[in-house]
Amino acid sequence: MQTNSRLFDDLARLATGALGTAQGMKAEWENLFHQRMERFIADMDLVPREEFDAVKAMAVLLREENEALVKRIEALEAKIDATPKKAPARKAALKAAKSGSAKSGN
């Protein structure tokens, strides 16, 4: 019976050692995988989340400012269109003065 007991003890130690080795290999593979993925992501020039969120917030603010400016421009254009257009009196007066002086000079 002792040989069977010894055999089982040896098998248990062997299984324990193999399990420990397998767990060590698993940890090593996970570490290697994470390193490769980090290198792959770094090579892709991806933007960190914090920078993306900051730029996104800036874009939202700029869009709101742009919309406000568009409304302001539309209001100013409407105001310009609503004012009655007057004939340019100054240009007409200058033309009349020039043509009058040209006639009197002849």
PDB file of N, CA and C in Angstrom:
ATOM      1  N   MET A   1       0.800  -1.188   0.000  1.00  0.00           N
ATOM      2  CA  MET A   1       0.000   0.000   0.000  1.00  0.00           C
ATOM      3  C   MET A   1       0.850   1.262   0.000  1.00  0.00           C
ATOM      4  N   GLN A   2       2.020   1.133   0.617  1.00  0.00           N
ATOM      5  CA  GLN A   2       2.850   2.323   0.682  1.00  0.00           C
ATOM      6  C   GLN A   2       3.331   2.748  -0.697  1.00  0.00           C
ATOM      7  N   THR A   3       3.521   1.822  -1.587  1.00  0.00           N
ATOM      8  CA  THR A   3       3.950   2.191  -2.936  1.00  0.00           C
ATOM      9  C   THR A   3       2.856   2.975  -3.644  1.00  0.00           C
ATOM     10  N   ASN A   4       1.609   2.556  -3.405  1.00  0.00           N
ATOM     11  CA  ASN A   4       0.504   3.320  -3.996  1.00  0.00           C
ATOM     12  C   ASN A   4       0.435   4.725  -3.401  1.00  0.00           C
ATOM     13  N   SER A   5       0.650   4.802  -2.095  1.00  0.00           N
ATOM     14  CA  SER A   5       0.613   6.096  -1.422  1.00  0.00           C
ATOM     15  C   SER A   5       1.739   6.992  -1.921  1.00  0.00           C
ATOM     16  N   ARG A   6       2.910   6.402  -2.088  1.00  0.00           N
ATOM     17  CA  ARG A   6       4.045   7.163  -2.611  1.00  0.00           C
ATOM     18  C   ARG A   6       3.789   7.613  -4.041  1.00  0.00           C
ATOM     19  N   LEU A   7       3.220   6.740  -4.808  1.00  0.00           N
ATOM     20  CA  LEU A   7       2.904   7.065  -6.198  1.00  0.00           C
ATOM     21  C   LEU A   7       1.920   8.228  -6.266  1.00  0.00           C
ATOM     22  N   PHE A   8       0.908   8.182  -5.414  1.00  0.00           N
ATOM     23  CA  PHE A   8      -0.070   9.277  -5.396  1.00  0.00           C
ATOM     24  C   PHE A   8       0.559  10.582  -4.908  1.00  0.00           C
ATOM     25  N   ASP A   9       1.449  10.485  -3.940  1.00  0.00           N
ATOM     26  CA  ASP A   9       2.148  11.681  -3.460  1.00  0.00           C
ATOM     27  C   ASP A   9       2.997  12.283  -4.576  1.00  0.00           C
ATOM     28  N   ASP A  10       3.702  11.436  -5.299  1.00  0.00           N
ATOM     29  CA  ASP A  10       4.520  11.915  -6.416  1.00  0.00           C
ATOM     30  C   ASP A  10       3.655  12.551  -7.501  1.00  0.00           C
ATOM     31  N   LEU A  11       2.547  11.895  -7.804  1.00  0.00           N
ATOM     32  CA  LEU A  11       1.632  12.460  -8.811  1.00  0.00           C
ATOM     33  C   LEU A  11       1.053  13.796  -8.348  1.00  0.00           C
ATOM     34  N   ALA A  12       0.735  13.901  -7.064  1.00  0.00           N
ATOM     35  CA  ALA A  12       0.192  15.152  -6.522  1.00  0.00           C
ATOM     36  C   ALA A  12       1.233  16.258  -6.608  1.00  0.00           C
ATOM     37  N   ARG A  13       2.481  15.940  -6.255  1.00  0.00           N
ATOM     38  CA  ARG A  13       3.551  16.937  -6.362  1.00  0.00           C
ATOM     39  C   ARG A  13       3.784  17.338  -7.811  1.00  0.00           C
ATOM     40  N   LEU A  14       3.755  16.362  -8.694  1.00  0.00           N
ATOM     41  CA  LEU A  14       3.935  16.641 -10.116  1.00  0.00           C
ATOM     42  C   LEU A  14       2.805  17.526 -10.639  1.00  0.00           C
ATOM     43  N   ALA A  15       1.586  17.217 -10.256  1.00  0.00           N
ATOM     44  CA  ALA A  15       0.437  18.019 -10.697  1.00  0.00           C
ATOM     45  C   ALA A  15       0.511  19.425 -10.123  1.00  0.00           C
ATOM     46  N   THR A  16       0.906  19.530  -8.854  1.00  0.00           N
ATOM     47  CA  THR A  16       1.037  20.850  -8.227  1.00  0.00           C
ATOM     48  C   THR A  16       2.114  21.666  -8.928  1.00  0.00           C
ATOM     49  N   GLY A  17       3.233  21.042  -9.220  1.00  0.00           N
ATOM     50  CA  GLY A  17       4.306  21.735  -9.936  1.00  0.00           C
ATOM     51  C   GLY A  17       3.884  22.150 -11.327  1.00  0.00           C
ATOM     52  N   ALA A  18       3.178  21.272 -12.017  1.00  0.00           N
ATOM     53  CA  ALA A  18       2.717  21.591 -13.374  1.00  0.00           C
ATOM     54  C   ALA A  18       1.703  22.725 -13.344  1.00  0.00           C
ATOM     55  N   LEU A  19       0.828  22.699 -12.341  1.00  0.00           N
ATOM     56  CA  LEU A  19      -0.169  23.758 -12.220  1.00  0.00           C
ATOM     57  C   LEU A  19       0.499  25.100 -11.932  1.00  0.00           C
ATOM     58  N   GLY A  20       1.495  25.077 -11.049  1.00  0.00           N
ATOM     59  CA  GLY A  20       2.238  26.311 -10.751  1.00  0.00           C
ATOM     60  C   GLY A  20       2.951  26.837 -11.985  1.00  0.00           C
ATOM     61  N   THR A  21       3.549  25.925 -12.748  1.00  0.00           N
ATOM     62  CA  THR A  21       4.232  26.318 -13.982  1.00  0.00           C
ATOM     63  C   THR A  21       3.240  26.886 -14.987  1.00  0.00           C
ATOM     64  N   ALA A  22       2.086  26.246 -15.097  1.00  0.00           N
ATOM     65  CA  ALA A  22       1.064  26.725 -16.036  1.00  0.00           C
ATOM     66  C   ALA A  22       0.569  28.111 -15.634  1.00  0.00           C
ATOM     67  N   GLN A  23       0.384  28.337 -14.342  1.00  0.00           N
ATOM     68  CA  GLN A  23      -0.055  29.656 -13.891  1.00  0.00           C
ATOM     69  C   GLN A  23       1.018  30.706 -14.153  1.00  0.00           C
ATOM     70  N   GLY A  24       2.270  30.329 -13.949  1.00  0.00           N
ATOM     71  CA  GLY A  24       3.367  31.248 -14.245  1.00  0.00           C
ATOM     72  C   GLY A  24       3.427  31.585 -15.723  1.00  0.00           C
ATOM     73  N   MET A  25       3.225  30.572 -16.567  1.00  0.00           N
ATOM     74  CA  MET A  25       3.225  30.810 -18.013  1.00  0.00           C
ATOM     75  C   MET A  25       2.051  31.698 -18.412  1.00  0.00           C
ATOM     76  N   LYS A  26       0.903  31.478 -17.770  1.00  0.00           N
ATOM     77  CA  LYS A  26      -0.273  32.296 -18.066  1.00  0.00           C
ATOM     78  C   LYS A  26       0.016  33.758 -17.736  1.00  0.00           C
ATOM     79  N   ALA A  27       0.598  34.001 -16.562  1.00  0.00           N
ATOM     80  CA  ALA A  27       0.917  35.374 -16.167  1.00  0.00           C
ATOM     81  C   ALA A  27       1.928  35.992 -17.131  1.00  0.00           C
ATOM     82  N   GLU A  28       2.900  35.194 -17.554  1.00  0.00           N
ATOM     83  CA  GLU A  28       3.909  35.691 -18.492  1.00  0.00           C
ATOM     84  C   GLU A  28       3.280  36.035 -19.844  1.00  0.00           C
ATOM     85  N   TRP A  29       2.388  35.176 -20.330  1.00  0.00           N
ATOM     86  CA  TRP A  29       1.713  35.446 -21.603  1.00  0.00           C
ATOM     87  C   TRP A  29       0.830  36.685 -21.511  1.00  0.00           C
ATOM     88  N   GLU A  30       0.124  36.829 -20.395  1.00  0.00           N
ATOM     89  CA  GLU A  30      -0.717  38.017 -20.220  1.00  0.00           C
ATOM     90  C   GLU A  30       0.129  39.282 -20.216  1.00  0.00           C
ATOM     91  N   ASN A  31       1.254  39.232 -19.525  1.00  0.00           N
ATOM     92  CA  ASN A  31       2.158  40.377 -19.475  1.00  0.00           C
ATOM     93  C   ASN A  31       2.684  40.699 -20.872  1.00  0.00           C
ATOM     94  N   LEU A  32       3.096  39.678 -21.596  1.00  0.00           N
ATOM     95  CA  LEU A  32       3.592  39.870 -22.957  1.00  0.00           C
ATOM     96  C   LEU A  32       2.502  40.443 -23.859  1.00  0.00           C
ATOM     97  N   PHE A  33       1.291  39.917 -23.731  1.00  0.00           N
ATOM     98  CA  PHE A  33       0.169  40.403 -24.540  1.00  0.00           C
ATOM     99  C   PHE A  33      -0.108  41.876 -24.248  1.00  0.00           C
ATOM    100  N   HIS A  34      -0.125  42.240 -22.969  1.00  0.00           N
ATOM    101  CA  HIS A  34      -0.375  43.640 -22.608  1.00  0.00           C
ATOM    102  C   HIS A  34       0.718  44.556 -23.158  1.00  0.00           C
ATOM    103  N   GLN A  35       1.969  44.117 -23.083  1.00  0.00           N
ATOM    104  CA  GLN A  35       3.060  44.922 -23.622  1.00  0.00           C
ATOM    105  C   GLN A  35       2.906  45.123 -25.126  1.00  0.00           C
ATOM    106  N   ARG A  36       2.578  44.052 -25.827  1.00  0.00           N
ATOM    107  CA  ARG A  36       2.411  44.147 -27.282  1.00  0.00           C
ATOM    108  C   ARG A  36       1.241  45.063 -27.640  1.00  0.00           C
ATOM    109  N   MET A  37       0.146  44.927 -26.907  1.00  0.00           N
ATOM    110  CA  MET A  37      -1.021  45.771 -27.187  1.00  0.00           C
ATOM    111  C   MET A  37      -0.714  47.238 -26.903  1.00  0.00           C
ATOM    112  N   GLU A  38      -0.010  47.519 -25.816  1.00  0.00           N
ATOM    113  CA  GLU A  38       0.362  48.900 -25.511  1.00  0.00           C
ATOM    114  C   GLU A  38       1.261  49.466 -26.602  1.00  0.00           C
ATOM    115  N   ARG A  39       2.201  48.675 -27.083  1.00  0.00           N
ATOM    116  CA  ARG A  39       3.088  49.124 -28.153  1.00  0.00           C
ATOM    117  C   ARG A  39       2.296  49.356 -29.439  1.00  0.00           C
ATOM    118  N   PHE A  40       1.369  48.447 -29.736  1.00  0.00           N
ATOM    119  CA  PHE A  40       0.528  48.578 -30.928  1.00  0.00           C
ATOM    120  C   PHE A  40      -0.309  49.851 -30.858  1.00  0.00           C
ATOM    121  N   ILE A  41      -0.909  50.109 -29.720  1.00  0.00           N
ATOM    122  CA  ILE A  41      -1.735  51.310 -29.551  1.00  0.00           C
ATOM    123  C   ILE A  41      -0.871  52.562 -29.624  1.00  0.00           C
ATOM    124  N   ALA A  42       0.319  52.517 -29.042  1.00  0.00           N
ATOM    125  CA  ALA A  42       1.217  53.672 -29.095  1.00  0.00           C
ATOM    126  C   ALA A  42       1.644  53.953 -30.533  1.00  0.00           C
ATOM    127  N   ASP A  43       1.852  52.915 -31.320  1.00  0.00           N
ATOM    128  CA  ASP A  43       2.244  53.099 -32.718  1.00  0.00           C
ATOM    129  C   ASP A  43       1.109  53.668 -33.557  1.00  0.00           C
ATOM    130  N   MET A  44      -0.124  53.479 -33.109  1.00  0.00           N
ATOM    131  CA  MET A  44      -1.271  53.979 -33.864  1.00  0.00           C
ATOM    132  C   MET A  44      -1.506  55.468 -33.629  1.00  0.00           C
ATOM    133  N   ASP A  45      -0.787  56.095 -32.737  1.00  0.00           N
ATOM    134  CA  ASP A  45      -0.943  57.512 -32.399  1.00  0.00           C
ATOM    135  C   ASP A  45      -2.372  57.843 -31.984  1.00  0.00           C
ATOM    136  N   LEU A  46      -2.929  57.019 -31.132  1.00  0.00           N
ATOM    137  CA  LEU A  46      -4.262  57.290 -30.610  1.00  0.00           C
ATOM    138  C   LEU A  46      -4.182  58.397 -29.566  1.00  0.00           C
ATOM    139  N   VAL A  47      -5.249  59.152 -29.463  1.00  0.00           N
ATOM    140  CA  VAL A  47      -5.301  60.273 -28.534  1.00  0.00           C
ATOM    141  C   VAL A  47      -5.770  59.762 -27.169  1.00  0.00           C
ATOM    142  N   PRO A  48      -5.120  60.212 -26.105  1.00  0.00           N
ATOM    143  CA  PRO A  48      -5.606  59.827 -24.774  1.00  0.00           C
ATOM    144  C   PRO A  48      -7.013  60.377 -24.523  1.00  0.00           C
ATOM    145  N   ARG A  49      -7.763  59.706 -23.708  1.00  0.00           N
ATOM    146  CA  ARG A  49      -9.163  60.067 -23.450  1.00  0.00           C
ATOM    147  C   ARG A  49      -9.285  61.491 -22.907  1.00  0.00           C
ATOM    148  N   GLU A  50      -8.360  61.902 -22.034  1.00  0.00           N
ATOM    149  CA  GLU A  50      -8.429  63.238 -21.442  1.00  0.00           C
ATOM    150  C   GLU A  50      -8.310  64.310 -22.520  1.00  0.00           C
ATOM    151  N   GLU A  51      -7.372  64.121 -23.452  1.00  0.00           N
ATOM    152  CA  GLU A  51      -7.204  65.094 -24.531  1.00  0.00           C
ATOM    153  C   GLU A  51      -8.435  65.118 -25.430  1.00  0.00           C
ATOM    154  N   PHE A  52      -8.986  63.957 -25.719  1.00  0.00           N
ATOM    155  CA  PHE A  52     -10.183  63.887 -26.554  1.00  0.00           C
ATOM    156  C   PHE A  52     -11.338  64.632 -25.899  1.00  0.00           C
ATOM    157  N   ASP A  53     -11.536  64.414 -24.609  1.00  0.00           N
ATOM    158  CA  ASP A  53     -12.624  65.089 -23.904  1.00  0.00           C
ATOM    159  C   ASP A  53     -12.421  66.602 -23.884  1.00  0.00           C
ATOM    160  N   ALA A  54     -11.163  67.042 -23.721  1.00  0.00           N
ATOM    161  CA  ALA A  54     -10.880  68.478 -23.707  1.00  0.00           C
ATOM    162  C   ALA A  54     -11.187  69.103 -25.068  1.00  0.00           C
ATOM    163  N   VAL A  55     -10.769  68.457 -26.136  1.00  0.00           N
ATOM    164  CA  VAL A  55     -11.023  68.983 -27.480  1.00  0.00           C
ATOM    165  C   VAL A  55     -12.516  68.948 -27.795  1.00  0.00           C
ATOM    166  N   LYS A  56     -13.187  67.917 -27.335  1.00  0.00           N
ATOM    167  CA  LYS A  56     -14.632  67.822 -27.553  1.00  0.00           C
ATOM    168  C   LYS A  56     -15.354  68.973 -26.855  1.00  0.00           C
ATOM    169  N   ALA A  57     -14.959  69.282 -25.624  1.00  0.00           N
ATOM    170  CA  ALA A  57     -15.568  70.398 -24.894  1.00  0.00           C
ATOM    171  C   ALA A  57     -15.305  71.716 -25.609  1.00  0.00           C
ATOM    172  N   MET A  58     -14.085  71.889 -26.131  1.00  0.00           N
ATOM    173  CA  MET A  58     -13.770  73.106 -26.883  1.00  0.00           C
ATOM    174  C   MET A  58     -14.628  73.199 -28.133  1.00  0.00           C
ATOM    175  N   ALA A  59     -14.827  72.088 -28.813  1.00  0.00           N
ATOM    176  CA  ALA A  59     -15.639  72.085 -30.032  1.00  0.00           C
ATOM    177  C   ALA A  59     -17.085  72.452 -29.724  1.00  0.00           C
ATOM    178  N   VAL A  60     -17.603  71.972 -28.611  1.00  0.00           N
ATOM    179  CA  VAL A  60     -18.980  72.310 -28.229  1.00  0.00           C
ATOM    180  C   VAL A  60     -19.096  73.808 -27.975  1.00  0.00           C
ATOM    181  N   LEU A  61     -18.135  74.367 -27.244  1.00  0.00           N
ATOM    182  CA  LEU A  61     -18.160  75.808 -26.972  1.00  0.00           C
ATOM    183  C   LEU A  61     -18.048  76.617 -28.257  1.00  0.00           C
ATOM    184  N   LEU A  62     -17.164  76.199 -29.144  1.00  0.00           N
ATOM    185  CA  LEU A  62     -16.995  76.922 -30.404  1.00  0.00           C
ATOM    186  C   LEU A  62     -18.239  76.819 -31.276  1.00  0.00           C
ATOM    187  N   ARG A  63     -18.897  75.676 -31.268  1.00  0.00           N
ATOM    188  CA  ARG A  63     -20.131  75.520 -32.039  1.00  0.00           C
ATOM    189  C   ARG A  63     -21.212  76.462 -31.504  1.00  0.00           C
ATOM    190  N   GLU A  64     -21.328  76.551 -30.175  1.00  0.00           N
ATOM    191  CA  GLU A  64     -22.308  77.457 -29.579  1.00  0.00           C
ATOM    192  C   GLU A  64     -21.989  78.904 -29.929  1.00  0.00           C
ATOM    193  N   GLU A  65     -20.710  79.262 -29.864  1.00  0.00           N
ATOM    194  CA  GLU A  65     -20.300  80.624 -30.211  1.00  0.00           C
ATOM    195  C   GLU A  65     -20.583  80.905 -31.682  1.00  0.00           C
ATOM    196  N   ASN A  66     -20.317  79.927 -32.539  1.00  0.00           N
ATOM    197  CA  ASN A  66     -20.565  80.085 -33.967  1.00  0.00           C
ATOM    198  C   ASN A  66     -22.054  80.291 -34.236  1.00  0.00           C
ATOM    199  N   GLU A  67     -22.894  79.515 -33.567  1.00  0.00           N
ATOM    200  CA  GLU A  67     -24.337  79.665 -33.749  1.00  0.00           C
ATOM    201  C   GLU A  67     -24.803  81.040 -33.289  1.00  0.00           C
ATOM    202  N   ALA A  68     -24.243  81.537 -32.179  1.00  0.00           N
ATOM    203  CA  ALA A  68     -24.601  82.872 -31.695  1.00  0.00           C
ATOM    204  C   ALA A  68     -24.173  83.936 -32.698  1.00  0.00           C
ATOM    205  N   LEU A  69     -22.993  83.773 -33.270  1.00  0.00           N
ATOM    206  CA  LEU A  69     -22.516  84.745 -34.261  1.00  0.00           C
ATOM    207  C   LEU A  69     -23.359  84.703 -35.528  1.00  0.00           C
ATOM    208  N   VAL A  70     -23.788  83.521 -35.941  1.00  0.00           N
ATOM    209  CA  VAL A  70     -24.652  83.406 -37.120  1.00  0.00           C
ATOM    210  C   VAL A  70     -25.961  84.142 -36.874  1.00  0.00           C
ATOM    211  N   LYS A  71     -26.535  83.961 -35.693  1.00  0.00           N
ATOM    212  CA  LYS A  71     -27.778  84.666 -35.363  1.00  0.00           C
ATOM    213  C   LYS A  71     -27.563  86.174 -35.357  1.00  0.00           C
ATOM    214  N   ARG A  72     -26.434  86.601 -34.834  1.00  0.00           N
ATOM    215  CA  ARG A  72     -26.134  88.037 -34.790  1.00  0.00           C
ATOM    216  C   ARG A  72     -25.982  88.602 -36.201  1.00  0.00           C
ATOM    217  N   ILE A  73     -25.301  87.861 -37.062  1.00  0.00           N
ATOM    218  CA  ILE A  73     -25.133  88.307 -38.453  1.00  0.00           C
ATOM    219  C   ILE A  73     -26.477  88.371 -39.151  1.00  0.00           C
ATOM    220  N   GLU A  74     -27.318  87.360 -38.932  1.00  0.00           N
ATOM    221  CA  GLU A  74     -28.641  87.364 -39.555  1.00  0.00           C
ATOM    222  C   GLU A  74     -29.463  88.549 -39.075  1.00  0.00           C
ATOM    223  N   ALA A  75     -29.366  88.882 -37.789  1.00  0.00           N
ATOM    224  CA  ALA A  75     -30.101  90.033 -37.256  1.00  0.00           C
ATOM    225  C   ALA A  75     -29.592  91.328 -37.872  1.00  0.00           C
ATOM    226  N   LEU A  76     -28.276  91.449 -38.001  1.00  0.00           N
ATOM    227  CA  LEU A  76     -27.711  92.661 -38.606  1.00  0.00           C
ATOM    228  C   LEU A  76     -28.091  92.772 -40.078  1.00  0.00           C
ATOM    229  N   GLU A  77     -28.076  91.652 -40.792  1.00  0.00           N
ATOM    230  CA  GLU A  77     -28.477  91.679 -42.201  1.00  0.00           C
ATOM    231  C   GLU A  77     -29.948  92.038 -42.340  1.00  0.00           C
ATOM    232  N   ALA A  78     -30.772  91.527 -41.441  1.00  0.00           N
ATOM    233  CA  ALA A  78     -32.196  91.871 -41.477  1.00  0.00           C
ATOM    234  C   ALA A  78     -32.383  93.351 -41.190  1.00  0.00           C
ATOM    235  N   LYS A  79     -31.605  93.888 -40.285  1.00  0.00           N
ATOM    236  CA  LYS A  79     -31.685  95.315 -39.958  1.00  0.00           C
ATOM    237  C   LYS A  79     -31.263  96.158 -41.155  1.00  0.00           C
ATOM    238  N   ILE A  80     -30.228  95.720 -41.839  1.00  0.00           N
ATOM    239  CA  ILE A  80     -29.764  96.455 -43.028  1.00  0.00           C
ATOM    240  C   ILE A  80     -30.819  96.394 -44.120  1.00  0.00           C
ATOM    241  N   ASP A  81     -31.408  95.236 -44.321  1.00  0.00           N
ATOM    242  CA  ASP A  81     -32.436  95.084 -45.350  1.00  0.00           C
ATOM    243  C   ASP A  81     -33.689  95.872 -45.008  1.00  0.00           C
ATOM    244  N   ALA A  82     -33.978  96.071 -43.727  1.00  0.00           N
ATOM    245  CA  ALA A  82     -35.188  96.775 -43.309  1.00  0.00           C
ATOM    246  C   ALA A  82     -35.058  98.282 -43.469  1.00  0.00           C
ATOM    247  N   THR A  83     -33.856  98.816 -43.445  1.00  0.00           N
ATOM    248  CA  THR A  83     -33.692 100.269 -43.595  1.00  0.00           C
ATOM    249  C   THR A  83     -33.920 100.649 -45.050  1.00  0.00           C
ATOM    250  N   PRO A  84     -34.646 101.771 -45.283  1.00  0.00           N
ATOM    251  CA  PRO A  84     -34.894 102.191 -46.668  1.00  0.00           C
ATOM    252  C   PRO A  84     -33.592 102.647 -47.316  1.00  0.00           C
ATOM    253  N   LYS A  85     -33.461 102.302 -48.560  1.00  0.00           N
ATOM    254  CA  LYS A  85     -32.244 102.678 -49.284  1.00  0.00           C
ATOM    255  C   LYS A  85     -32.418 104.094 -49.817  1.00  0.00           C
ATOM    256  N   LYS A  86     -31.458 104.917 -49.531  1.00  0.00           N
ATOM    257  CA  LYS A  86     -31.477 106.303 -49.993  1.00  0.00           C
ATOM    258  C   LYS A  86     -30.546 106.425 -51.187  1.00  0.00           C
ATOM    259  N   ALA A  87     -30.897 107.333 -52.061  1.00  0.00           N
ATOM    260  CA  ALA A  87     -30.034 107.592 -53.215  1.00  0.00           C
ATOM    261  C   ALA A  87     -28.782 108.281 -52.712  1.00  0.00           C
ATOM    262  N   PRO A  88     -27.671 107.913 -53.237  1.00  0.00           N
ATOM    263  CA  PRO A  88     -26.434 108.561 -52.800  1.00  0.00           C
ATOM    264  C   PRO A  88     -26.409 110.018 -53.256  1.00  0.00           C
ATOM    265  N   ALA A  89     -26.854 110.921 -52.409  1.00  0.00           N
ATOM    266  CA  ALA A  89     -26.976 112.341 -52.738  1.00  0.00           C
ATOM    267  C   ALA A  89     -25.618 112.975 -52.974  1.00  0.00           C
ATOM    268  N   ARG A  90     -24.641 112.569 -52.272  1.00  0.00           N
ATOM    269  CA  ARG A  90     -23.332 113.191 -52.393  1.00  0.00           C
ATOM    270  C   ARG A  90     -22.734 112.935 -53.773  1.00  0.00           C
ATOM    271  N   LYS A  91     -22.845 111.687 -54.253  1.00  0.00           N
ATOM    272  CA  LYS A  91     -22.292 111.381 -55.569  1.00  0.00           C
ATOM    273  C   LYS A  91     -23.039 112.152 -56.653  1.00  0.00           C
ATOM    274  N   ALA A  92     -24.351 112.241 -56.521  1.00  0.00           N
ATOM    275  CA  ALA A  92     -25.141 112.974 -57.515  1.00  0.00           C
ATOM    276  C   ALA A  92     -24.772 114.449 -57.496  1.00  0.00           C
ATOM    277  N   ALA A  93     -24.558 115.012 -56.323  1.00  0.00           N
ATOM    278  CA  ALA A  93     -24.196 116.428 -56.214  1.00  0.00           C
ATOM    279  C   ALA A  93     -22.820 116.668 -56.815  1.00  0.00           C
ATOM    280  N   LEU A  94     -21.893 115.753 -56.590  1.00  0.00           N
ATOM    281  CA  LEU A  94     -20.557 115.906 -57.168  1.00  0.00           C
ATOM    282  C   LEU A  94     -20.608 115.824 -58.687  1.00  0.00           C
ATOM    283  N   LYS A  95     -21.423 114.929 -59.220  1.00  0.00           N
ATOM    284  CA  LYS A  95     -21.552 114.819 -60.672  1.00  0.00           C
ATOM    285  C   LYS A  95     -22.134 116.098 -61.253  1.00  0.00           C
ATOM    286  N   ALA A  96     -23.148 116.617 -60.595  1.00  0.00           N
ATOM    287  CA  ALA A  96     -23.787 117.844 -61.075  1.00  0.00           C
ATOM    288  C   ALA A  96     -22.804 118.999 -61.025  1.00  0.00           C
ATOM    289  N   ALA A  97     -22.021 119.064 -59.984  1.00  0.00           N
ATOM    290  CA  ALA A  97     -21.057 120.150 -59.854  1.00  0.00           C
ATOM    291  C   ALA A  97     -19.984 120.042 -60.920  1.00  0.00           C
ATOM    292  N   LYS A  98     -19.539 118.829 -61.208  1.00  0.00           N
ATOM    293  CA  LYS A  98     -18.510 118.648 -62.227  1.00  0.00           C
ATOM    294  C   LYS A  98     -19.056 118.983 -63.608  1.00  0.00           C
ATOM    295  N   SER A  99     -20.245 118.523 -63.896  1.00  0.00           N
ATOM    296  CA  SER A  99     -20.797 118.796 -65.224  1.00  0.00           C
ATOM    297  C   SER A  99     -21.128 120.275 -65.369  1.00  0.00           C
ATOM    298  N   GLY A 100     -21.536 120.941 -64.299  1.00  0.00           N
ATOM    299  CA  GLY A 100     -21.824 122.372 -64.345  1.00  0.00           C
ATOM    300  C   GLY A 100     -20.559 123.176 -64.542  1.00  0.00           C
ATOM    301  N   SER A 101     -19.472 122.774 -63.925  1.00  0.00           N
ATOM    302  CA  SER A 101     -18.221 123.512 -64.069  1.00  0.00           C
ATOM    303  C   SER A 101     -17.616 123.254 -65.438  1.00  0.00           C
ATOM    304  N   ALA A 102     -17.867 122.105 -65.997  1.00  0.00           N
ATOM    305  CA  ALA A 102     -17.348 121.805 -67.325  1.00  0.00           C
ATOM    306  C   ALA A 102     -18.093 122.625 -68.364  1.00  0.00           C
ATOM    307  N   LYS A 103     -19.403 122.849 -68.181  1.00  0.00           N
ATOM    308  CA  LYS A 103     -20.188 123.642 -69.120  1.00  0.00           C
ATOM    309  C   LYS A 103     -19.816 125.110 -69.027  1.00  0.00           C
ATOM    310  N   SER A 104     -19.575 125.606 -67.835  1.00  0.00           N
ATOM    311  CA  SER A 104     -19.249 127.024 -67.695  1.00  0.00           C
ATOM    312  C   SER A 104     -17.832 127.308 -68.150  1.00  0.00           C
ATOM    313  N   GLY A 105     -16.978 126.330 -68.136  1.00  0.00           N
ATOM    314  CA  GLY A 105     -15.601 126.497 -68.568  1.00  0.00           C
ATOM    315  C   GLY A 105     -15.487 126.535 -70.066  1.00  0.00           C
ATOM    316  N   ASN A 106     -16.450 126.097 -70.815  1.00  0.00           N
ATOM    317  CA  ASN A 106     -16.412 126.084 -72.271  1.00  0.00           C
ATOM    318  C   ASN A 106     -16.751 127.363 -72.849  1.00  0.00           C
TER     319      ASN A 106
END
